Amino acid sequence: MDNSKVEAFLTQEEEQEIVDAILEAERDTSGEIRVHLEATAKKDHFERAMEVFHLLKMDNTRERNGVLLYVAVQDHRFVIYGDSGINKVVPHDFWNKTKDLIQEHFKKGHFKQGIIEGVLMAGKELKTHFPWHPDDENELSNEVSRG
């Protein structure tokens, strides 16, 4: 696997901007958002996203409200995947609208901006359905993970 493509996908500064966007998106919600990058999926992208979701323990959140933005860099593919708790409450077309927003940016080569916009859009929806409570804790890392 060619990790150099994954490393070159975002600069360290861009990655930090994404982490900041995740912190911003999670500020007033118990929901959890992760971004995962890898070179290629070697299988169906949706299946791989679900596998990564499990590997990152995103299915262990108390309210089942984790959202994963999975990007296979060399494949030019991404998946935005929400756990069962959030899927029950978001508007019917929410994930497609989020995907379209990210895709618009990606098509222009604005990868960082696409990821940030997707993260913020998911965070806004999470805040609506899963407001933050005083006993909430950040259950998952905000760092961008790599496969």
Protein backbone atom coordinates (compact mmCIF):
# COMPACT_ATOMS: atom_id res chain seq x y z
CA MET A 1 0.00 0.00 0.00
CA ASP A 2 1.34 3.40 -0.94
CA ASN A 3 1.06 5.47 2.22
CA SER A 4 2.88 8.40 0.61
CA LYS A 5 -0.33 9.30 -1.25
CA VAL A 6 -2.20 9.31 2.06
CA GLU A 7 0.52 11.43 3.69
CA ALA A 8 0.49 13.88 0.77
CA PHE A 9 -3.33 14.11 0.75
CA LEU A 10 -3.35 16.69 3.55
CA THR A 11 -0.62 18.88 4.98
CA GLN A 12 -0.10 18.86 8.73
CA GLU A 13 -1.74 22.30 8.88
CA GLU A 14 -4.77 21.08 6.91
CA GLU A 15 -5.07 18.06 9.17
CA GLN A 16 -5.01 20.33 12.22
CA GLU A 17 -7.79 22.44 10.66
CA ILE A 18 -9.84 19.25 10.31
CA VAL A 19 -9.20 18.33 13.96
CA ASP A 20 -10.28 21.87 14.93
CA ALA A 21 -13.46 21.42 12.85
CA ILE A 22 -14.17 18.13 14.66
CA LEU A 23 -13.72 19.88 18.02
CA GLU A 24 -16.06 22.66 16.84
CA ALA A 25 -18.62 20.16 15.50
CA GLU A 26 -18.60 18.17 18.76
CA ARG A 27 -18.68 21.23 21.04
CA ASP A 28 -22.40 21.13 21.91
CA THR A 29 -23.24 17.50 21.26
CA SER A 30 -22.65 14.07 22.74
CA GLY A 31 -22.12 12.82 19.16
CA GLU A 32 -18.71 11.66 17.97
CA ILE A 33 -17.14 12.38 14.57
CA ARG A 34 -14.04 10.71 13.13
CA VAL A 35 -12.15 11.09 9.86
CA HIS A 36 -10.19 8.10 8.54
CA LEU A 37 -7.84 8.13 5.54
CA GLU A 38 -6.25 5.21 3.73
CA ALA A 39 -4.76 4.64 0.31
CA THR A 40 -7.18 2.05 -1.03
CA ALA A 41 -10.02 -0.09 0.28
CA LYS A 42 -9.23 -3.45 -1.38
CA LYS A 43 -12.96 -4.22 -1.00
CA ASP A 44 -16.33 -2.50 -1.28
CA HIS A 45 -15.90 1.03 0.14
CA PHE A 46 -19.07 0.94 2.23
CA GLU A 47 -18.06 -2.44 3.72
CA ARG A 48 -14.59 -1.10 4.49
CA ALA A 49 -16.08 2.03 6.12
CA MET A 50 -18.23 -0.18 8.37
CA GLU A 51 -15.14 -2.26 9.23
CA VAL A 52 -13.15 0.90 10.13
CA PHE A 53 -16.15 2.17 12.13
CA HIS A 54 -15.92 -1.01 14.22
CA LEU A 55 -12.09 -0.99 14.42
CA LEU A 56 -12.18 2.58 15.77
CA LYS A 57 -14.77 1.43 18.35
CA MET A 58 -17.23 3.98 17.01
CA ASP A 59 -20.08 1.53 17.59
CA ASN A 60 -19.40 1.70 21.34
CA THR A 61 -20.75 5.21 21.93
CA ARG A 62 -23.47 5.41 24.56
CA GLU A 63 -26.12 6.87 22.25
CA ARG A 64 -24.93 5.14 19.04
CA ASN A 65 -24.32 8.58 17.54
CA GLY A 66 -20.91 8.24 15.90
CA VAL A 67 -20.27 9.54 12.39
CA LEU A 68 -17.33 8.38 10.29
CA LEU A 69 -16.00 10.13 7.20
CA TYR A 70 -13.93 7.45 5.46
CA VAL A 71 -11.69 8.44 2.52
CA ALA A 72 -9.85 6.01 0.21
CA VAL A 73 -7.38 8.46 -1.32
CA GLN A 74 -6.08 6.50 -4.35
CA ASP A 75 -9.56 5.17 -5.15
CA HIS A 76 -11.01 8.70 -5.18
CA ARG A 77 -13.88 7.41 -3.05
CA PHE A 78 -15.36 8.35 0.30
CA VAL A 79 -18.17 7.16 2.56
CA ILE A 80 -19.96 9.08 5.28
CA TYR A 81 -21.43 6.61 7.73
CA GLY A 82 -23.63 7.25 10.76
CA ASP A 83 -24.44 4.79 13.54
CA SER A 84 -27.99 3.57 14.22
CA GLY A 85 -28.77 6.27 16.81
CA ILE A 86 -28.19 9.15 14.42
CA ASN A 87 -29.65 7.33 11.42
CA LYS A 88 -33.01 7.06 13.23
CA VAL A 89 -33.34 10.82 13.68
CA VAL A 90 -31.72 12.61 10.73
CA PRO A 91 -33.88 13.83 7.84
CA HIS A 92 -34.34 11.26 5.09
CA ASP A 93 -32.00 13.00 2.61
CA PHE A 94 -29.42 14.21 5.16
CA TRP A 95 -26.59 11.81 4.27
CA ASN A 96 -27.04 12.39 0.53
CA LYS A 97 -26.94 16.18 1.02
CA THR A 98 -23.79 15.82 3.13
CA LYS A 99 -22.21 13.52 0.53
CA ASP A 100 -23.07 15.97 -2.26
CA LEU A 101 -21.51 18.88 -0.34
CA ILE A 102 -18.28 16.94 0.24
CA GLN A 103 -18.22 15.72 -3.37
CA GLU A 104 -18.56 19.28 -4.74
CA HIS A 105 -15.36 20.26 -2.91
CA PHE A 106 -13.53 17.03 -3.76
CA LYS A 107 -14.26 17.44 -7.49
CA LYS A 108 -12.46 20.80 -7.34
CA GLY A 109 -9.52 19.24 -5.49
CA HIS A 110 -10.50 21.03 -2.25
CA PHE A 111 -10.15 17.96 -0.05
CA LYS A 112 -9.58 19.69 3.28
CA GLN A 113 -12.53 22.02 2.71
CA GLY A 114 -14.79 19.12 1.70
CA ILE A 115 -13.93 17.19 4.85
CA ILE A 116 -14.39 20.27 7.07
CA GLU A 117 -17.76 21.13 5.51
CA GLY A 118 -18.95 17.52 5.92
CA VAL A 119 -17.78 17.41 9.54
CA LEU A 120 -19.49 20.72 10.39
CA MET A 121 -22.71 19.69 8.65
CA ALA A 122 -22.78 16.40 10.60
CA GLY A 123 -21.98 18.28 13.82
CA LYS A 124 -24.86 20.69 13.31
CA GLU A 125 -27.25 17.77 12.87
CA LEU A 126 -25.81 15.96 15.90
CA LYS A 127 -26.32 19.08 18.05
CA THR A 128 -30.00 19.12 17.07
CA HIS A 129 -30.65 15.52 18.07
CA PHE A 130 -27.96 14.82 20.67
CA PRO A 131 -27.37 17.96 22.73
CA TRP A 132 -24.43 17.95 25.10
CA HIS A 133 -25.14 17.13 28.77
CA PRO A 134 -22.89 17.98 31.72
CA ASP A 135 -22.03 14.29 32.27
CA ASP A 136 -21.00 13.76 28.62
CA GLU A 137 -17.38 13.03 27.83
CA ASN A 138 -15.49 12.91 24.58
CA GLU A 139 -15.65 9.14 24.05
CA LEU A 140 -13.41 8.97 20.96
CA SER A 141 -10.24 10.63 19.72
CA ASN A 142 -10.57 13.65 17.43
CA GLU A 143 -7.35 12.85 15.55
CA VAL A 144 -7.46 11.90 11.88
CA SER A 145 -6.74 8.16 11.75
CA ARG A 146 -5.00 6.30 8.94
CA GLY A 147 -5.21 2.76 7.64
